[in-house]
Amino acid sequence: MNKMLDSIPSLPIADWIETLMDWLTENFASMFSFIQKTGKNSMESFTDLLLYIPPIVFILIVAIIAFFATKKKFGLAVFSVVGLLFIYNQGLWKELMNTVTLVVFSSIFAILIGIPIGILMSKSRVAENIIKPILDFMQTMPGFVYLIPAVAFFGIGVVPGVFASVIFALPPTVRFTNLGIRQVPKELEEAADSYGSTGWQKLFKLELPLAKSTIMAGINQTVLLSLSMVVIASMIGAPGLGRDVLSALQRAQVGNGFVAGISLVIFAIIIDRLTQSLNKKKY
């Protein structure tokens, strides 16, 4: 049996993928170059804008947003002030702003791509059957693998980091959008149809508002997954706190790695609580 299996020639899948990547990089080099330059300039400008804001002003703005987002409770606001002051005190403010840029751009692109795909899946069983296995593939593939095409297309830097982060963080928004719209009661959809609502009217005035809490839960997961890619993206030159963690790992600097890691945790908690508070019902 083993001899029979050994006699079967192996499929040159790796060669096929290499050929495909070579074809893409050769034929779309100008497009990738344009995206790389435009994305780099945009993200550097956004980071410069964040750095232009005095740290104490930035911290106060975050605290005020946290205070009102949590219905005028002081817990998250105080934590935000203490946590961000700690990051500033450790000399990691610039790295934090680079991380904010990476997370903001990755999350925005993932949400803009994910919600329409989720809507498509909710409206078409065929699309759902096609897209679901792709999402399974994207969620089970190790995050490091996404760095390979990112570097092949865009070189090293923040743009390939955002590219890899978008792919890694996209599935939750798609899945939760699909789930939220499918959970809209059929009675309400039938009532909308009986009043002559068009498909677009029903989507924007009925389905999306009722699915908001579910979609926001998916967005929350997408933002956190984008943040989780910070350290991995630093391996291909993406700036931010992840680079400090990677540097500490390479040099076995436990203290520096711990401080950078704690800074990431603080930022993650603030982002998580803010996005969760936006999803709470107002009474």
C-alpha atoms as a PDB file:
ATOM      1  CA  MET A   1       0.000   0.000   0.000  1.00  0.00           C
ATOM      2  CA  ASN A   2       2.804   2.394   0.911  1.00  0.00           C
ATOM      3  CA  LYS A   3       4.630   1.567  -2.312  1.00  0.00           C
ATOM      4  CA  MET A   4       1.506   2.337  -4.310  1.00  0.00           C
ATOM      5  CA  LEU A   5       1.103   5.682  -2.529  1.00  0.00           C
ATOM      6  CA  ASP A   6       4.789   6.500  -3.049  1.00  0.00           C
ATOM      7  CA  SER A   7       4.432   5.824  -6.763  1.00  0.00           C
ATOM      8  CA  ILE A   8       1.844   8.592  -7.115  1.00  0.00           C
ATOM      9  CA  PRO A   9       3.614  11.795  -8.189  1.00  0.00           C
ATOM     10  CA  SER A  10       3.203  14.750  -5.836  1.00  0.00           C
ATOM     11  CA  LEU A  11       1.239  17.720  -7.070  1.00  0.00           C
ATOM     12  CA  PRO A  12       3.466  20.768  -7.663  1.00  0.00           C
ATOM     13  CA  ILE A  13       1.179  23.051  -5.666  1.00  0.00           C
ATOM     14  CA  ALA A  14       4.069  25.155  -4.342  1.00  0.00           C
ATOM     15  CA  ASP A  15       5.308  25.710  -7.902  1.00  0.00           C
ATOM     16  CA  TRP A  16       1.822  26.707  -9.046  1.00  0.00           C
ATOM     17  CA  ILE A  17       1.535  29.260  -6.261  1.00  0.00           C
ATOM     18  CA  GLU A  18       5.008  30.626  -7.018  1.00  0.00           C
ATOM     19  CA  THR A  19       4.030  30.982 -10.681  1.00  0.00           C
ATOM     20  CA  LEU A  20       0.827  32.780  -9.745  1.00  0.00           C
ATOM     21  CA  MET A  21       2.658  35.156  -7.390  1.00  0.00           C
ATOM     22  CA  ASP A  22       5.286  35.902 -10.036  1.00  0.00           C
ATOM     23  CA  TRP A  23       2.553  36.632 -12.582  1.00  0.00           C
ATOM     24  CA  LEU A  24       0.714  38.954 -10.188  1.00  0.00           C
ATOM     25  CA  THR A  25       3.820  40.877  -9.149  1.00  0.00           C
ATOM     26  CA  GLU A  26       4.988  41.272 -12.749  1.00  0.00           C
ATOM     27  CA  ASN A  27       1.652  42.310 -14.285  1.00  0.00           C
ATOM     28  CA  PHE A  28       0.341  44.451 -11.437  1.00  0.00           C
ATOM     29  CA  ALA A  29       3.606  45.931 -10.202  1.00  0.00           C
ATOM     30  CA  SER A  30       2.541  49.498 -11.001  1.00  0.00           C
ATOM     31  CA  MET A  31      -0.744  49.071  -9.116  1.00  0.00           C
ATOM     32  CA  PHE A  32       0.983  47.597  -6.066  1.00  0.00           C
ATOM     33  CA  SER A  33       3.563  50.373  -6.167  1.00  0.00           C
ATOM     34  CA  PHE A  34       0.823  53.027  -6.305  1.00  0.00           C
ATOM     35  CA  ILE A  35      -1.024  51.449  -3.364  1.00  0.00           C
ATOM     36  CA  GLN A  36       2.212  51.165  -1.399  1.00  0.00           C
ATOM     37  CA  LYS A  37       3.207  54.783  -1.927  1.00  0.00           C
ATOM     38  CA  THR A  38      -0.287  56.194  -1.402  1.00  0.00           C
ATOM     39  CA  GLY A  39      -0.902  54.063   1.672  1.00  0.00           C
ATOM     40  CA  LYS A  40       2.481  54.889   3.180  1.00  0.00           C
ATOM     41  CA  ASN A  41       2.013  58.633   2.675  1.00  0.00           C
ATOM     42  CA  SER A  42      -1.527  58.536   4.060  1.00  0.00           C
ATOM     43  CA  MET A  43      -0.570  56.573   7.164  1.00  0.00           C
ATOM     44  CA  GLU A  44       2.535  58.646   7.827  1.00  0.00           C
ATOM     45  CA  SER A  45       0.436  61.818   7.550  1.00  0.00           C
ATOM     46  CA  PHE A  46      -2.142  60.380   9.957  1.00  0.00           C
ATOM     47  CA  THR A  47       0.585  59.436  12.429  1.00  0.00           C
ATOM     48  CA  ASP A  48       2.129  62.908  12.156  1.00  0.00           C
ATOM     49  CA  LEU A  49      -1.295  64.395  12.866  1.00  0.00           C
ATOM     50  CA  LEU A  50      -1.647  62.250  15.996  1.00  0.00           C
ATOM     51  CA  LEU A  51       1.852  63.202  17.125  1.00  0.00           C
ATOM     52  CA  TYR A  52       1.064  66.887  16.529  1.00  0.00           C
ATOM     53  CA  ILE A  53      -1.580  66.690  19.260  1.00  0.00           C
ATOM     54  CA  PRO A  54       0.058  67.221  22.679  1.00  0.00           C
ATOM     55  CA  PRO A  55      -0.026  63.952  24.632  1.00  0.00           C
ATOM     56  CA  ILE A  56      -1.919  65.447  27.581  1.00  0.00           C
ATOM     57  CA  VAL A  57      -4.592  66.809  25.216  1.00  0.00           C
ATOM     58  CA  PHE A  58      -4.880  63.437  23.490  1.00  0.00           C
ATOM     59  CA  ILE A  59      -5.226  61.680  26.847  1.00  0.00           C
ATOM     60  CA  LEU A  60      -7.932  64.111  27.975  1.00  0.00           C
ATOM     61  CA  ILE A  61      -9.844  63.620  24.701  1.00  0.00           C
ATOM     62  CA  VAL A  62      -9.769  59.851  25.133  1.00  0.00           C
ATOM     63  CA  ALA A  63     -10.873  60.204  28.759  1.00  0.00           C
ATOM     64  CA  ILE A  64     -13.804  62.454  27.807  1.00  0.00           C
ATOM     65  CA  ILE A  65     -14.890  60.039  25.065  1.00  0.00           C
ATOM     66  CA  ALA A  66     -14.646  57.134  27.504  1.00  0.00           C
ATOM     67  CA  PHE A  67     -16.620  59.061  30.139  1.00  0.00           C
ATOM     68  CA  PHE A  68     -19.571  59.788  27.863  1.00  0.00           C
ATOM     69  CA  ALA A  69     -19.406  56.459  26.003  1.00  0.00           C
ATOM     70  CA  THR A  70     -19.836  54.614  29.301  1.00  0.00           C
ATOM     71  CA  LYS A  71     -22.842  56.773  30.340  1.00  0.00           C
ATOM     72  CA  LYS A  72     -20.841  59.146  32.524  1.00  0.00           C
ATOM     73  CA  LYS A  73     -19.058  56.480  34.538  1.00  0.00           C
ATOM     74  CA  PHE A  74     -15.512  57.214  35.692  1.00  0.00           C
ATOM     75  CA  GLY A  75     -14.035  53.695  35.535  1.00  0.00           C
ATOM     76  CA  LEU A  76     -12.860  53.563  31.917  1.00  0.00           C
ATOM     77  CA  ALA A  77     -12.006  57.274  31.863  1.00  0.00           C
ATOM     78  CA  VAL A  78      -9.706  56.949  34.884  1.00  0.00           C
ATOM     79  CA  PHE A  79      -8.155  53.762  33.496  1.00  0.00           C
ATOM     80  CA  SER A  80      -7.529  55.499  30.157  1.00  0.00           C
ATOM     81  CA  VAL A  81      -5.795  58.445  31.838  1.00  0.00           C
ATOM     82  CA  VAL A  82      -3.618  56.259  34.068  1.00  0.00           C
ATOM     83  CA  GLY A  83      -2.815  53.775  31.303  1.00  0.00           C
ATOM     84  CA  LEU A  84      -1.932  56.357  28.656  1.00  0.00           C
ATOM     85  CA  LEU A  85       0.137  58.355  31.141  1.00  0.00           C
ATOM     86  CA  PHE A  86       2.043  55.153  31.904  1.00  0.00           C
ATOM     87  CA  ILE A  87       2.762  54.625  28.194  1.00  0.00           C
ATOM     88  CA  TYR A  88       3.908  58.249  27.852  1.00  0.00           C
ATOM     89  CA  ASN A  89       6.076  57.917  30.950  1.00  0.00           C
ATOM     90  CA  GLN A  90       7.819  54.890  29.456  1.00  0.00           C
ATOM     91  CA  GLY A  91       8.767  56.819  26.320  1.00  0.00           C
ATOM     92  CA  LEU A  92       6.501  54.774  24.049  1.00  0.00           C
ATOM     93  CA  TRP A  93       4.142  57.524  22.909  1.00  0.00           C
ATOM     94  CA  LYS A  94       5.361  57.627  19.296  1.00  0.00           C
ATOM     95  CA  GLU A  95       5.162  53.838  19.093  1.00  0.00           C
ATOM     96  CA  LEU A  96       1.606  53.987  20.457  1.00  0.00           C
ATOM     97  CA  MET A  97       0.568  56.497  17.787  1.00  0.00           C
ATOM     98  CA  ASN A  98       2.047  54.254  15.086  1.00  0.00           C
ATOM     99  CA  THR A  99       0.058  51.372  16.554  1.00  0.00           C
ATOM    100  CA  VAL A 100      -3.115  53.488  16.564  1.00  0.00           C
ATOM    101  CA  THR A 101      -2.558  54.248  12.874  1.00  0.00           C
ATOM    102  CA  LEU A 102      -2.088  50.581  12.021  1.00  0.00           C
ATOM    103  CA  VAL A 103      -5.216  49.527  13.937  1.00  0.00           C
ATOM    104  CA  VAL A 104      -7.376  52.372  12.594  1.00  0.00           C
ATOM    105  CA  PHE A 105      -6.512  51.775   8.936  1.00  0.00           C
ATOM    106  CA  SER A 106      -6.722  47.983   9.219  1.00  0.00           C
ATOM    107  CA  SER A 107     -10.073  48.139  10.999  1.00  0.00           C
ATOM    108  CA  ILE A 108     -11.594  50.656   8.594  1.00  0.00           C
ATOM    109  CA  PHE A 109     -10.624  48.651   5.524  1.00  0.00           C
ATOM    110  CA  ALA A 110     -11.769  45.375   7.104  1.00  0.00           C
ATOM    111  CA  ILE A 111     -15.135  46.896   8.050  1.00  0.00           C
ATOM    112  CA  LEU A 112     -15.676  48.562   4.650  1.00  0.00           C
ATOM    113  CA  ILE A 113     -14.956  45.259   2.914  1.00  0.00           C
ATOM    114  CA  GLY A 114     -16.578  42.964   5.463  1.00  0.00           C
ATOM    115  CA  ILE A 115     -20.036  44.508   5.877  1.00  0.00           C
ATOM    116  CA  PRO A 116     -20.947  44.440   2.136  1.00  0.00           C
ATOM    117  CA  ILE A 117     -19.723  40.836   1.869  1.00  0.00           C
ATOM    118  CA  GLY A 118     -21.791  39.928   4.930  1.00  0.00           C
ATOM    119  CA  ILE A 119     -24.860  41.568   3.377  1.00  0.00           C
ATOM    120  CA  LEU A 120     -24.256  39.608   0.170  1.00  0.00           C
ATOM    121  CA  MET A 121     -24.036  36.357   2.139  1.00  0.00           C
ATOM    122  CA  SER A 122     -27.297  37.116   3.942  1.00  0.00           C
ATOM    123  CA  LYS A 123     -29.097  37.702   0.655  1.00  0.00           C
ATOM    124  CA  SER A 124     -27.727  34.786  -1.341  1.00  0.00           C
ATOM    125  CA  ARG A 125     -27.431  31.186  -0.212  1.00  0.00           C
ATOM    126  CA  VAL A 126     -25.057  30.503  -3.123  1.00  0.00           C
ATOM    127  CA  ALA A 127     -22.754  33.354  -2.043  1.00  0.00           C
ATOM    128  CA  GLU A 128     -22.857  32.082   1.542  1.00  0.00           C
ATOM    129  CA  ASN A 129     -21.874  28.556   0.486  1.00  0.00           C
ATOM    130  CA  ILE A 130     -18.954  29.949  -1.541  1.00  0.00           C
ATOM    131  CA  ILE A 131     -17.703  32.532   0.958  1.00  0.00           C
ATOM    132  CA  LYS A 132     -18.015  30.461   4.157  1.00  0.00           C
ATOM    133  CA  PRO A 133     -15.182  28.028   3.265  1.00  0.00           C
ATOM    134  CA  ILE A 134     -12.997  30.993   2.323  1.00  0.00           C
ATOM    135  CA  LEU A 135     -13.638  32.561   5.735  1.00  0.00           C
ATOM    136  CA  ASP A 136     -12.844  29.233   7.416  1.00  0.00           C
ATOM    137  CA  PHE A 137      -9.572  29.148   5.484  1.00  0.00           C
ATOM    138  CA  MET A 138      -8.745  32.743   6.471  1.00  0.00           C
ATOM    139  CA  GLN A 139      -9.434  32.120  10.164  1.00  0.00           C
ATOM    140  CA  THR A 140      -7.493  28.870  10.444  1.00  0.00           C
ATOM    141  CA  MET A 141      -4.457  29.947   8.442  1.00  0.00           C
ATOM    142  CA  PRO A 142      -1.606  31.071  10.754  1.00  0.00           C
ATOM    143  CA  GLY A 143      -1.199  34.841  10.762  1.00  0.00           C
ATOM    144  CA  PHE A 144       2.458  34.579   9.771  1.00  0.00           C
ATOM    145  CA  VAL A 145       1.469  33.129   6.389  1.00  0.00           C
ATOM    146  CA  TYR A 146      -0.246  36.382   5.398  1.00  0.00           C
ATOM    147  CA  LEU A 147       3.088  38.161   5.644  1.00  0.00           C
ATOM    148  CA  ILE A 148       4.418  36.286   2.596  1.00  0.00           C
ATOM    149  CA  PRO A 149       2.069  37.744  -0.061  1.00  0.00           C
ATOM    150  CA  ALA A 150       2.093  41.090   1.771  1.00  0.00           C
ATOM    151  CA  VAL A 151       5.871  41.370   1.351  1.00  0.00           C
ATOM    152  CA  ALA A 152       5.721  40.055  -2.232  1.00  0.00           C
ATOM    153  CA  PHE A 153       3.184  42.713  -3.230  1.00  0.00           C
ATOM    154  CA  PHE A 154       4.202  45.734  -1.151  1.00  0.00           C
ATOM    155  CA  GLY A 155       7.722  45.146   0.179  1.00  0.00           C
ATOM    156  CA  ILE A 156       8.289  45.919   3.850  1.00  0.00           C
ATOM    157  CA  GLY A 157       6.772  48.627   6.019  1.00  0.00           C
ATOM    158  CA  VAL A 158       3.391  49.655   7.351  1.00  0.00           C
ATOM    159  CA  VAL A 159       1.399  49.002   4.144  1.00  0.00           C
ATOM    160  CA  PRO A 160       2.056  45.239   4.027  1.00  0.00           C
ATOM    161  CA  GLY A 161       1.351  45.211   7.773  1.00  0.00           C
ATOM    162  CA  VAL A 162      -2.087  46.714   7.157  1.00  0.00           C
ATOM    163  CA  PHE A 163      -2.674  44.322   4.235  1.00  0.00           C
ATOM    164  CA  ALA A 164      -1.936  41.273   6.383  1.00  0.00           C
ATOM    165  CA  SER A 165      -3.997  42.673   9.267  1.00  0.00           C
ATOM    166  CA  VAL A 166      -7.036  43.271   7.047  1.00  0.00           C
ATOM    167  CA  ILE A 167      -7.019  39.682   5.800  1.00  0.00           C
ATOM    168  CA  PHE A 168      -6.573  38.342   9.311  1.00  0.00           C
ATOM    169  CA  ALA A 169      -9.241  40.581  10.891  1.00  0.00           C
ATOM    170  CA  LEU A 170     -11.875  40.478   8.131  1.00  0.00           C
ATOM    171  CA  PRO A 171     -13.876  37.268   8.900  1.00  0.00           C
ATOM    172  CA  PRO A 172     -15.656  38.341  12.144  1.00  0.00           C
ATOM    173  CA  THR A 173     -17.286  41.373  10.515  1.00  0.00           C
ATOM    174  CA  VAL A 174     -18.424  39.272   7.558  1.00  0.00           C
ATOM    175  CA  ARG A 175     -19.812  36.466   9.714  1.00  0.00           C
ATOM    176  CA  PHE A 176     -21.570  38.701  12.253  1.00  0.00           C
ATOM    177  CA  THR A 177     -23.124  40.889   9.543  1.00  0.00           C
ATOM    178  CA  ASN A 178     -24.507  37.807   7.832  1.00  0.00           C
ATOM    179  CA  LEU A 179     -25.747  36.403  11.153  1.00  0.00           C
ATOM    180  CA  GLY A 180     -27.338  39.664  12.288  1.00  0.00           C
ATOM    181  CA  ILE A 181     -29.347  40.177   9.106  1.00  0.00           C
ATOM    182  CA  ARG A 182     -30.475  36.554   9.012  1.00  0.00           C
ATOM    183  CA  GLN A 183     -31.741  36.866  12.595  1.00  0.00           C
ATOM    184  CA  VAL A 184     -34.158  39.667  11.684  1.00  0.00           C
ATOM    185  CA  PRO A 185     -37.688  38.298  12.384  1.00  0.00           C
ATOM    186  CA  LYS A 186     -39.446  37.123   9.225  1.00  0.00           C
ATOM    187  CA  GLU A 187     -42.676  38.774  10.398  1.00  0.00           C
ATOM    188  CA  LEU A 188     -41.045  42.204  10.242  1.00  0.00           C
ATOM    189  CA  GLU A 189     -39.655  41.526   6.777  1.00  0.00           C
ATOM    190  CA  GLU A 190     -43.078  40.403   5.571  1.00  0.00           C
ATOM    191  CA  ALA A 191     -44.626  43.542   7.051  1.00  0.00           C
ATOM    192  CA  ALA A 192     -42.070  45.702   5.231  1.00  0.00           C
ATOM    193  CA  ASP A 193     -42.816  43.866   1.986  1.00  0.00           C
ATOM    194  CA  SER A 194     -46.558  44.336   2.480  1.00  0.00           C
ATOM    195  CA  TYR A 195     -46.050  48.105   2.744  1.00  0.00           C
ATOM    196  CA  GLY A 196     -44.180  48.106  -0.562  1.00  0.00           C
ATOM    197  CA  SER A 197     -40.648  48.633   0.726  1.00  0.00           C
ATOM    198  CA  THR A 198     -37.894  48.195  -1.819  1.00  0.00           C
ATOM    199  CA  GLY A 199     -34.935  45.933  -1.134  1.00  0.00           C
ATOM    200  CA  TRP A 200     -32.698  48.902  -0.297  1.00  0.00           C
ATOM    201  CA  GLN A 201     -35.317  50.450   1.976  1.00  0.00           C
ATOM    202  CA  LYS A 202     -35.774  47.186   3.820  1.00  0.00           C
ATOM    203  CA  LEU A 203     -32.016  46.767   4.195  1.00  0.00           C
ATOM    204  CA  PHE A 204     -31.221  50.251   5.513  1.00  0.00           C
ATOM    205  CA  LYS A 205     -34.386  50.967   7.507  1.00  0.00           C
ATOM    206  CA  LEU A 206     -35.139  47.521   8.935  1.00  0.00           C
ATOM    207  CA  GLU A 207     -32.434  44.868   8.666  1.00  0.00           C
ATOM    208  CA  LEU A 208     -29.274  46.846   9.391  1.00  0.00           C
ATOM    209  CA  PRO A 209     -30.756  48.759  12.372  1.00  0.00           C
ATOM    210  CA  LEU A 210     -32.043  45.528  13.933  1.00  0.00           C
ATOM    211  CA  ALA A 211     -28.733  43.760  13.220  1.00  0.00           C
ATOM    212  CA  LYS A 212     -26.663  46.647  14.610  1.00  0.00           C
ATOM    213  CA  SER A 213     -25.755  44.993  17.924  1.00  0.00           C
ATOM    214  CA  THR A 214     -24.611  41.801  16.208  1.00  0.00           C
ATOM    215  CA  ILE A 215     -22.627  43.721  13.583  1.00  0.00           C
ATOM    216  CA  MET A 216     -20.983  45.835  16.286  1.00  0.00           C
ATOM    217  CA  ALA A 217     -19.913  42.658  18.076  1.00  0.00           C
ATOM    218  CA  GLY A 218     -18.193  41.582  14.863  1.00  0.00           C
ATOM    219  CA  ILE A 219     -16.554  44.992  14.491  1.00  0.00           C
ATOM    220  CA  ASN A 220     -15.284  44.728  18.066  1.00  0.00           C
ATOM    221  CA  GLN A 221     -13.626  41.409  17.233  1.00  0.00           C
ATOM    222  CA  THR A 222     -12.190  42.815  14.012  1.00  0.00           C
ATOM    223  CA  VAL A 223     -10.567  45.739  15.839  1.00  0.00           C
ATOM    224  CA  LEU A 224      -9.041  43.428  18.457  1.00  0.00           C
ATOM    225  CA  LEU A 225      -7.759  41.039  15.776  1.00  0.00           C
ATOM    226  CA  SER A 226      -6.163  44.002  13.977  1.00  0.00           C
ATOM    227  CA  LEU A 227      -4.432  44.885  17.221  1.00  0.00           C
ATOM    228  CA  SER A 228      -3.305  41.292  17.728  1.00  0.00           C
ATOM    229  CA  MET A 229      -1.486  41.477  14.383  1.00  0.00           C
ATOM    230  CA  VAL A 230       0.694  44.371  15.570  1.00  0.00           C
ATOM    231  CA  VAL A 231       3.536  42.153  16.794  1.00  0.00           C
ATOM    232  CA  ILE A 232       3.365  39.860  13.754  1.00  0.00           C
ATOM    233  CA  ALA A 233       3.281  42.824  11.349  1.00  0.00           C
ATOM    234  CA  SER A 234       6.393  44.236  13.017  1.00  0.00           C
ATOM    235  CA  MET A 235       8.323  41.298  11.530  1.00  0.00           C
ATOM    236  CA  ILE A 236       7.948  42.926   8.098  1.00  0.00           C
ATOM    237  CA  GLY A 237       8.816  46.439   9.218  1.00  0.00           C
ATOM    238  CA  ALA A 238       5.504  47.778  10.498  1.00  0.00           C
ATOM    239  CA  PRO A 239       6.205  50.416  13.169  1.00  0.00           C
ATOM    240  CA  GLY A 240       4.573  50.532  16.573  1.00  0.00           C
ATOM    241  CA  LEU A 241       4.616  48.791  19.921  1.00  0.00           C
ATOM    242  CA  GLY A 242       4.939  45.441  18.180  1.00  0.00           C
ATOM    243  CA  ARG A 243       8.416  46.412  16.992  1.00  0.00           C
ATOM    244  CA  ASP A 244       9.490  46.987  20.597  1.00  0.00           C
ATOM    245  CA  VAL A 245       8.142  43.576  21.603  1.00  0.00           C
ATOM    246  CA  LEU A 246       9.957  41.931  18.698  1.00  0.00           C
ATOM    247  CA  SER A 247      13.192  43.782  19.472  1.00  0.00           C
ATOM    248  CA  ALA A 248      13.010  42.734  23.118  1.00  0.00           C
ATOM    249  CA  LEU A 249      12.431  39.139  22.060  1.00  0.00           C
ATOM    250  CA  GLN A 250      15.418  39.151  19.717  1.00  0.00           C
ATOM    251  CA  ARG A 251      17.684  40.648  22.401  1.00  0.00           C
ATOM    252  CA  ALA A 252      16.179  38.732  25.338  1.00  0.00           C
ATOM    253  CA  GLN A 253      15.318  42.023  27.082  1.00  0.00           C
ATOM    254  CA  VAL A 254      12.593  40.849  29.434  1.00  0.00           C
ATOM    255  CA  GLY A 255      11.957  44.253  31.004  1.00  0.00           C
ATOM    256  CA  ASN A 256      11.552  46.140  27.734  1.00  0.00           C
ATOM    257  CA  GLY A 257       9.371  43.382  26.339  1.00  0.00           C
ATOM    258  CA  PHE A 258       7.168  43.431  29.437  1.00  0.00           C
ATOM    259  CA  VAL A 259       6.678  47.210  29.277  1.00  0.00           C
ATOM    260  CA  ALA A 260       5.811  47.132  25.554  1.00  0.00           C
ATOM    261  CA  GLY A 261       3.478  44.181  26.142  1.00  0.00           C
ATOM    262  CA  ILE A 262       1.702  45.947  29.023  1.00  0.00           C
ATOM    263  CA  SER A 263       1.300  49.011  26.798  1.00  0.00           C
ATOM    264  CA  LEU A 264      -0.388  46.864  24.160  1.00  0.00           C
ATOM    265  CA  VAL A 265      -2.685  45.373  26.794  1.00  0.00           C
ATOM    266  CA  ILE A 266      -3.669  48.840  28.055  1.00  0.00           C
ATOM    267  CA  PHE A 267      -4.446  50.007  24.528  1.00  0.00           C
ATOM    268  CA  ALA A 268      -6.400  46.813  23.818  1.00  0.00           C
ATOM    269  CA  ILE A 269      -8.536  47.203  26.949  1.00  0.00           C
ATOM    270  CA  ILE A 270      -9.365  50.821  26.105  1.00  0.00           C
ATOM    271  CA  ILE A 271     -10.315  49.935  22.526  1.00  0.00           C
ATOM    272  CA  ASP A 272     -12.331  46.904  23.617  1.00  0.00           C
ATOM    273  CA  ARG A 273     -14.322  48.766  26.274  1.00  0.00           C
ATOM    274  CA  LEU A 274     -14.996  51.723  23.979  1.00  0.00           C
ATOM    275  CA  THR A 275     -16.309  49.571  21.138  1.00  0.00           C
ATOM    276  CA  GLN A 276     -18.392  47.528  23.578  1.00  0.00           C
ATOM    277  CA  SER A 277     -19.909  50.671  25.084  1.00  0.00           C
ATOM    278  CA  LEU A 278     -20.954  51.847  21.628  1.00  0.00           C
ATOM    279  CA  ASN A 279     -22.927  48.608  21.276  1.00  0.00           C
ATOM    280  CA  LYS A 280     -24.920  49.027  24.498  1.00  0.00           C
ATOM    281  CA  LYS A 281     -28.544  50.035  24.247  1.00  0.00           C
ATOM    282  CA  LYS A 282     -29.489  53.512  25.357  1.00  0.00           C
ATOM    283  CA  TYR A 283     -32.391  53.755  27.721  1.00  0.00           C
END
